[in-house]
Amino acid sequence: MKYLTLITLVTLGLILFTNEVHASSQYTVQSGDVLSEISRNHNVSVDSLLEFNTFLSDPDIIYAGQTLTIPDAKGETFTVTAYTAGFESTGKEHGDPGYGITASGTEVQEGQTIACPDSLSFGTKLYIPYFDKTFTCEDRGSAVTEGRLDVYMEDLDEALEFGVKDLQVHY
């Protein structure tokens, strides 16, 4: 009975108190460094650097000798495609109810909205070095399965030209 109680308590503790932990490293700013270059060199977004270094009130002002926390992003390769709000991607036409509205209820925005598989929660931030942008998981799609992402683009020709790419993604 004691053994069963102990197992139950440990399992319950793991379920209730497990938090996502982000490892990080430190970087000392050198003369001539700029935040965008530091972000590229460490494969993290400027937004992530600002989030982990709350003392930076202006991303354009950093000083030699400052110590920055560099978050270690979980990275993997995803097959990335592009979609639009139009009929060809969503089956909806301008004026239809829900046109341009994501599965999370937000309005689609180029450079921000990305459709993700169910394993990624709405609100998850995804940095894609190819675009040098951080997207927010706000949408789903029938073709967006594990290992796939769909980036929102306003222009159909740009979305078609983008095609299908295997890209490194950090989150």
C-alpha atoms as a PDB file:
ATOM      1  CA  MET A   1       0.000   0.000   0.000  1.00  0.00           C
ATOM      2  CA  LYS A   2       2.857   2.392   0.877  1.00  0.00           C
ATOM      3  CA  TYR A   3       4.461   1.675  -2.487  1.00  0.00           C
ATOM      4  CA  LEU A   4       1.208   2.416  -4.353  1.00  0.00           C
ATOM      5  CA  THR A   5       0.724   5.656  -2.397  1.00  0.00           C
ATOM      6  CA  LEU A   6       4.316   6.743  -3.140  1.00  0.00           C
ATOM      7  CA  ILE A   7       3.930   6.033  -6.871  1.00  0.00           C
ATOM      8  CA  THR A   8       0.638   7.937  -6.946  1.00  0.00           C
ATOM      9  CA  LEU A   9       2.157  10.963  -5.170  1.00  0.00           C
ATOM     10  CA  VAL A  10       5.227  11.035  -7.425  1.00  0.00           C
ATOM     11  CA  THR A  11       3.076  10.768 -10.548  1.00  0.00           C
ATOM     12  CA  LEU A  12       0.729  13.473  -9.313  1.00  0.00           C
ATOM     13  CA  GLY A  13       3.690  15.713  -8.476  1.00  0.00           C
ATOM     14  CA  LEU A  14       5.141  15.283 -11.947  1.00  0.00           C
ATOM     15  CA  ILE A  15       1.829  16.150 -13.556  1.00  0.00           C
ATOM     16  CA  LEU A  16       1.071  19.157 -11.381  1.00  0.00           C
ATOM     17  CA  PHE A  17       4.496  20.695 -10.960  1.00  0.00           C
ATOM     18  CA  THR A  18       6.308  20.073 -14.209  1.00  0.00           C
ATOM     19  CA  ASN A  19       7.198  23.352 -15.883  1.00  0.00           C
ATOM     20  CA  GLU A  20       8.865  23.884 -19.208  1.00  0.00           C
ATOM     21  CA  VAL A  21      12.482  24.767 -18.517  1.00  0.00           C
ATOM     22  CA  HIS A  22      14.608  26.736 -20.915  1.00  0.00           C
ATOM     23  CA  ALA A  23      18.337  26.338 -20.595  1.00  0.00           C
ATOM     24  CA  SER A  24      20.405  29.384 -21.307  1.00  0.00           C
ATOM     25  CA  SER A  25      23.955  30.630 -21.644  1.00  0.00           C
ATOM     26  CA  GLN A  26      25.654  33.945 -21.057  1.00  0.00           C
ATOM     27  CA  TYR A  27      27.236  36.270 -23.618  1.00  0.00           C
ATOM     28  CA  THR A  28      29.346  39.341 -22.861  1.00  0.00           C
ATOM     29  CA  VAL A  29      28.661  42.183 -25.284  1.00  0.00           C
ATOM     30  CA  GLN A  30      31.741  43.231 -27.253  1.00  0.00           C
ATOM     31  CA  SER A  31      32.478  46.667 -28.666  1.00  0.00           C
ATOM     32  CA  GLY A  32      30.607  47.062 -31.967  1.00  0.00           C
ATOM     33  CA  ASP A  33      28.026  44.347 -31.213  1.00  0.00           C
ATOM     34  CA  VAL A  34      24.393  44.942 -32.145  1.00  0.00           C
ATOM     35  CA  LEU A  35      21.470  42.902 -30.850  1.00  0.00           C
ATOM     36  CA  SER A  36      20.361  41.707 -34.300  1.00  0.00           C
ATOM     37  CA  GLU A  37      23.815  40.277 -35.014  1.00  0.00           C
ATOM     38  CA  ILE A  38      23.975  38.595 -31.601  1.00  0.00           C
ATOM     39  CA  SER A  39      20.544  37.048 -32.263  1.00  0.00           C
ATOM     40  CA  ARG A  40      21.653  35.683 -35.666  1.00  0.00           C
ATOM     41  CA  ASN A  41      24.908  34.310 -34.255  1.00  0.00           C
ATOM     42  CA  HIS A  42      23.037  32.447 -31.515  1.00  0.00           C
ATOM     43  CA  ASN A  43      19.998  31.376 -33.604  1.00  0.00           C
ATOM     44  CA  VAL A  44      17.478  33.160 -31.395  1.00  0.00           C
ATOM     45  CA  SER A  45      15.151  36.035 -32.189  1.00  0.00           C
ATOM     46  CA  VAL A  46      15.708  39.578 -30.980  1.00  0.00           C
ATOM     47  CA  ASP A  47      12.326  39.226 -29.218  1.00  0.00           C
ATOM     48  CA  SER A  48      13.657  36.226 -27.281  1.00  0.00           C
ATOM     49  CA  LEU A  49      16.760  38.161 -26.271  1.00  0.00           C
ATOM     50  CA  LEU A  50      14.583  41.027 -25.038  1.00  0.00           C
ATOM     51  CA  GLU A  51      12.311  38.608 -23.173  1.00  0.00           C
ATOM     52  CA  PHE A  52      15.260  37.008 -21.344  1.00  0.00           C
ATOM     53  CA  ASN A  53      17.054  40.333 -20.722  1.00  0.00           C
ATOM     54  CA  THR A  54      14.392  42.592 -19.264  1.00  0.00           C
ATOM     55  CA  PHE A  55      16.975  45.221 -18.294  1.00  0.00           C
ATOM     56  CA  LEU A  56      17.280  46.137 -22.006  1.00  0.00           C
ATOM     57  CA  SER A  57      14.774  48.958 -22.342  1.00  0.00           C
ATOM     58  CA  ASP A  58      15.871  49.903 -25.886  1.00  0.00           C
ATOM     59  CA  PRO A  59      17.031  47.112 -28.237  1.00  0.00           C
ATOM     60  CA  ASP A  60      19.149  49.628 -30.145  1.00  0.00           C
ATOM     61  CA  ILE A  61      21.276  50.445 -27.092  1.00  0.00           C
ATOM     62  CA  ILE A  62      23.631  47.824 -25.685  1.00  0.00           C
ATOM     63  CA  TYR A  63      27.035  48.398 -24.112  1.00  0.00           C
ATOM     64  CA  ALA A  64      30.325  46.523 -24.243  1.00  0.00           C
ATOM     65  CA  GLY A  65      30.710  44.524 -21.054  1.00  0.00           C
ATOM     66  CA  GLN A  66      26.991  43.846 -20.517  1.00  0.00           C
ATOM     67  CA  THR A  67      26.166  40.213 -19.874  1.00  0.00           C
ATOM     68  CA  LEU A  68      23.212  38.921 -21.876  1.00  0.00           C
ATOM     69  CA  THR A  69      21.291  35.727 -21.255  1.00  0.00           C
ATOM     70  CA  ILE A  70      21.048  33.749 -24.492  1.00  0.00           C
ATOM     71  CA  PRO A  71      18.086  31.345 -24.372  1.00  0.00           C
ATOM     72  CA  ASP A  72      18.704  27.913 -25.818  1.00  0.00           C
ATOM     73  CA  ALA A  73      15.904  27.410 -28.282  1.00  0.00           C
ATOM     74  CA  LYS A  74      14.633  23.959 -29.105  1.00  0.00           C
ATOM     75  CA  GLY A  75      15.198  23.668 -32.813  1.00  0.00           C
ATOM     76  CA  GLU A  76      14.139  21.227 -35.453  1.00  0.00           C
ATOM     77  CA  THR A  77      13.467  21.075 -39.162  1.00  0.00           C
ATOM     78  CA  PHE A  78       9.869  21.540 -40.330  1.00  0.00           C
ATOM     79  CA  THR A  79       8.352  21.323 -43.794  1.00  0.00           C
ATOM     80  CA  VAL A  80       7.026  24.855 -44.289  1.00  0.00           C
ATOM     81  CA  THR A  81       4.424  26.011 -46.809  1.00  0.00           C
ATOM     82  CA  ALA A  82       2.472  29.254 -47.165  1.00  0.00           C
ATOM     83  CA  TYR A  83      -1.240  30.024 -47.213  1.00  0.00           C
ATOM     84  CA  THR A  84      -3.545  32.990 -47.729  1.00  0.00           C
ATOM     85  CA  ALA A  85      -6.963  33.914 -46.357  1.00  0.00           C
ATOM     86  CA  GLY A  86      -8.448  33.305 -49.809  1.00  0.00           C
ATOM     87  CA  PHE A  87     -10.596  30.543 -51.236  1.00  0.00           C
ATOM     88  CA  GLU A  88      -7.621  28.558 -52.589  1.00  0.00           C
ATOM     89  CA  SER A  89      -6.307  28.049 -49.029  1.00  0.00           C
ATOM     90  CA  THR A  90      -9.353  28.246 -46.774  1.00  0.00           C
ATOM     91  CA  GLY A  91     -12.411  27.672 -48.965  1.00  0.00           C
ATOM     92  CA  LYS A  92     -13.692  31.097 -47.844  1.00  0.00           C
ATOM     93  CA  GLU A  93     -14.169  34.213 -49.916  1.00  0.00           C
ATOM     94  CA  HIS A  94     -13.880  37.832 -48.861  1.00  0.00           C
ATOM     95  CA  GLY A  95     -17.102  38.690 -47.030  1.00  0.00           C
ATOM     96  CA  ASP A  96     -17.742  35.132 -45.785  1.00  0.00           C
ATOM     97  CA  PRO A  97     -18.109  34.703 -42.015  1.00  0.00           C
ATOM     98  CA  GLY A  98     -14.738  33.878 -40.518  1.00  0.00           C
ATOM     99  CA  TYR A  99     -12.765  35.134 -43.516  1.00  0.00           C
ATOM    100  CA  GLY A 100      -9.279  36.072 -42.310  1.00  0.00           C
ATOM    101  CA  ILE A 101      -9.933  34.752 -38.801  1.00  0.00           C
ATOM    102  CA  THR A 102      -7.637  32.058 -37.391  1.00  0.00           C
ATOM    103  CA  ALA A 103      -8.629  28.969 -35.439  1.00  0.00           C
ATOM    104  CA  SER A 104      -7.537  30.799 -32.265  1.00  0.00           C
ATOM    105  CA  GLY A 105      -9.886  33.686 -33.087  1.00  0.00           C
ATOM    106  CA  THR A 106      -7.285  36.279 -34.084  1.00  0.00           C
ATOM    107  CA  GLU A 107      -7.115  38.089 -37.410  1.00  0.00           C
ATOM    108  CA  VAL A 108      -4.398  36.770 -39.752  1.00  0.00           C
ATOM    109  CA  GLN A 109      -1.325  38.979 -40.014  1.00  0.00           C
ATOM    110  CA  GLU A 110       1.561  38.581 -42.425  1.00  0.00           C
ATOM    111  CA  GLY A 111       4.873  38.171 -40.630  1.00  0.00           C
ATOM    112  CA  GLN A 112       3.116  36.960 -37.468  1.00  0.00           C
ATOM    113  CA  THR A 113       0.489  34.252 -38.097  1.00  0.00           C
ATOM    114  CA  ILE A 114       1.530  30.658 -38.562  1.00  0.00           C
ATOM    115  CA  ALA A 115      -0.584  27.487 -38.653  1.00  0.00           C
ATOM    116  CA  CYS A 116       0.836  24.721 -36.452  1.00  0.00           C
ATOM    117  CA  PRO A 117       0.071  21.092 -35.656  1.00  0.00           C
ATOM    118  CA  ASP A 118      -2.006  20.343 -32.553  1.00  0.00           C
ATOM    119  CA  SER A 119       1.165  19.494 -30.607  1.00  0.00           C
ATOM    120  CA  LEU A 120       2.046  23.218 -30.518  1.00  0.00           C
ATOM    121  CA  SER A 121      -0.270  25.320 -28.370  1.00  0.00           C
ATOM    122  CA  PHE A 122      -1.789  28.549 -29.612  1.00  0.00           C
ATOM    123  CA  GLY A 123       0.539  31.356 -28.605  1.00  0.00           C
ATOM    124  CA  THR A 124       3.720  29.331 -29.099  1.00  0.00           C
ATOM    125  CA  LYS A 125       6.467  31.564 -30.522  1.00  0.00           C
ATOM    126  CA  LEU A 126       8.432  30.115 -33.437  1.00  0.00           C
ATOM    127  CA  TYR A 127      11.589  31.808 -34.737  1.00  0.00           C
ATOM    128  CA  ILE A 128      12.399  30.917 -38.345  1.00  0.00           C
ATOM    129  CA  PRO A 129      15.886  32.146 -39.370  1.00  0.00           C
ATOM    130  CA  TYR A 130      14.949  31.946 -43.080  1.00  0.00           C
ATOM    131  CA  PHE A 131      12.518  34.844 -42.543  1.00  0.00           C
ATOM    132  CA  ASP A 132      14.457  36.327 -39.578  1.00  0.00           C
ATOM    133  CA  LYS A 133      11.070  36.611 -37.877  1.00  0.00           C
ATOM    134  CA  THR A 134       9.273  35.219 -34.866  1.00  0.00           C
ATOM    135  CA  PHE A 135       5.798  33.906 -35.701  1.00  0.00           C
ATOM    136  CA  THR A 136       2.960  33.067 -33.322  1.00  0.00           C
ATOM    137  CA  CYS A 137       1.055  29.803 -33.569  1.00  0.00           C
ATOM    138  CA  GLU A 138      -2.490  31.097 -34.121  1.00  0.00           C
ATOM    139  CA  ASP A 139      -4.008  28.775 -36.704  1.00  0.00           C
ATOM    140  CA  ARG A 140      -4.545  25.137 -37.642  1.00  0.00           C
ATOM    141  CA  GLY A 141      -5.120  23.522 -40.994  1.00  0.00           C
ATOM    142  CA  SER A 142      -6.131  20.129 -42.314  1.00  0.00           C
ATOM    143  CA  ALA A 143      -2.745  19.701 -44.048  1.00  0.00           C
ATOM    144  CA  VAL A 144      -0.766  20.952 -41.031  1.00  0.00           C
ATOM    145  CA  THR A 145       0.298  17.710 -39.405  1.00  0.00           C
ATOM    146  CA  GLU A 146       3.314  16.874 -37.231  1.00  0.00           C
ATOM    147  CA  GLY A 147       6.505  18.265 -38.739  1.00  0.00           C
ATOM    148  CA  ARG A 148       4.659  20.792 -40.915  1.00  0.00           C
ATOM    149  CA  LEU A 149       3.950  24.520 -40.593  1.00  0.00           C
ATOM    150  CA  ASP A 150       1.983  26.922 -42.802  1.00  0.00           C
ATOM    151  CA  VAL A 151       3.039  30.595 -42.827  1.00  0.00           C
ATOM    152  CA  TYR A 152       0.350  33.184 -43.586  1.00  0.00           C
ATOM    153  CA  MET A 153       1.063  35.480 -46.550  1.00  0.00           C
ATOM    154  CA  GLU A 154      -1.300  38.123 -47.905  1.00  0.00           C
ATOM    155  CA  ASP A 155      -0.328  37.729 -51.563  1.00  0.00           C
ATOM    156  CA  LEU A 156      -1.294  34.504 -53.364  1.00  0.00           C
ATOM    157  CA  ASP A 157       1.549  34.790 -55.891  1.00  0.00           C
ATOM    158  CA  GLU A 158       4.105  35.148 -53.076  1.00  0.00           C
ATOM    159  CA  ALA A 159       2.619  32.159 -51.264  1.00  0.00           C
ATOM    160  CA  LEU A 160       2.779  30.032 -54.421  1.00  0.00           C
ATOM    161  CA  GLU A 161       6.310  31.218 -55.193  1.00  0.00           C
ATOM    162  CA  PHE A 162       7.395  30.297 -51.654  1.00  0.00           C
ATOM    163  CA  GLY A 163       6.353  26.714 -52.347  1.00  0.00           C
ATOM    164  CA  VAL A 164       7.510  24.008 -49.955  1.00  0.00           C
ATOM    165  CA  LYS A 165      10.731  24.355 -47.971  1.00  0.00           C
ATOM    166  CA  ASP A 166      12.385  22.352 -45.219  1.00  0.00           C
ATOM    167  CA  LEU A 167      13.434  25.027 -42.714  1.00  0.00           C
ATOM    168  CA  GLN A 168      15.082  25.168 -39.314  1.00  0.00           C
ATOM    169  CA  VAL A 169      12.615  26.391 -36.664  1.00  0.00           C
ATOM    170  CA  HIS A 170      13.422  27.397 -33.073  1.00  0.00           C
ATOM    171  CA  TYR A 171      10.825  27.488 -30.300  1.00  0.00           C
END
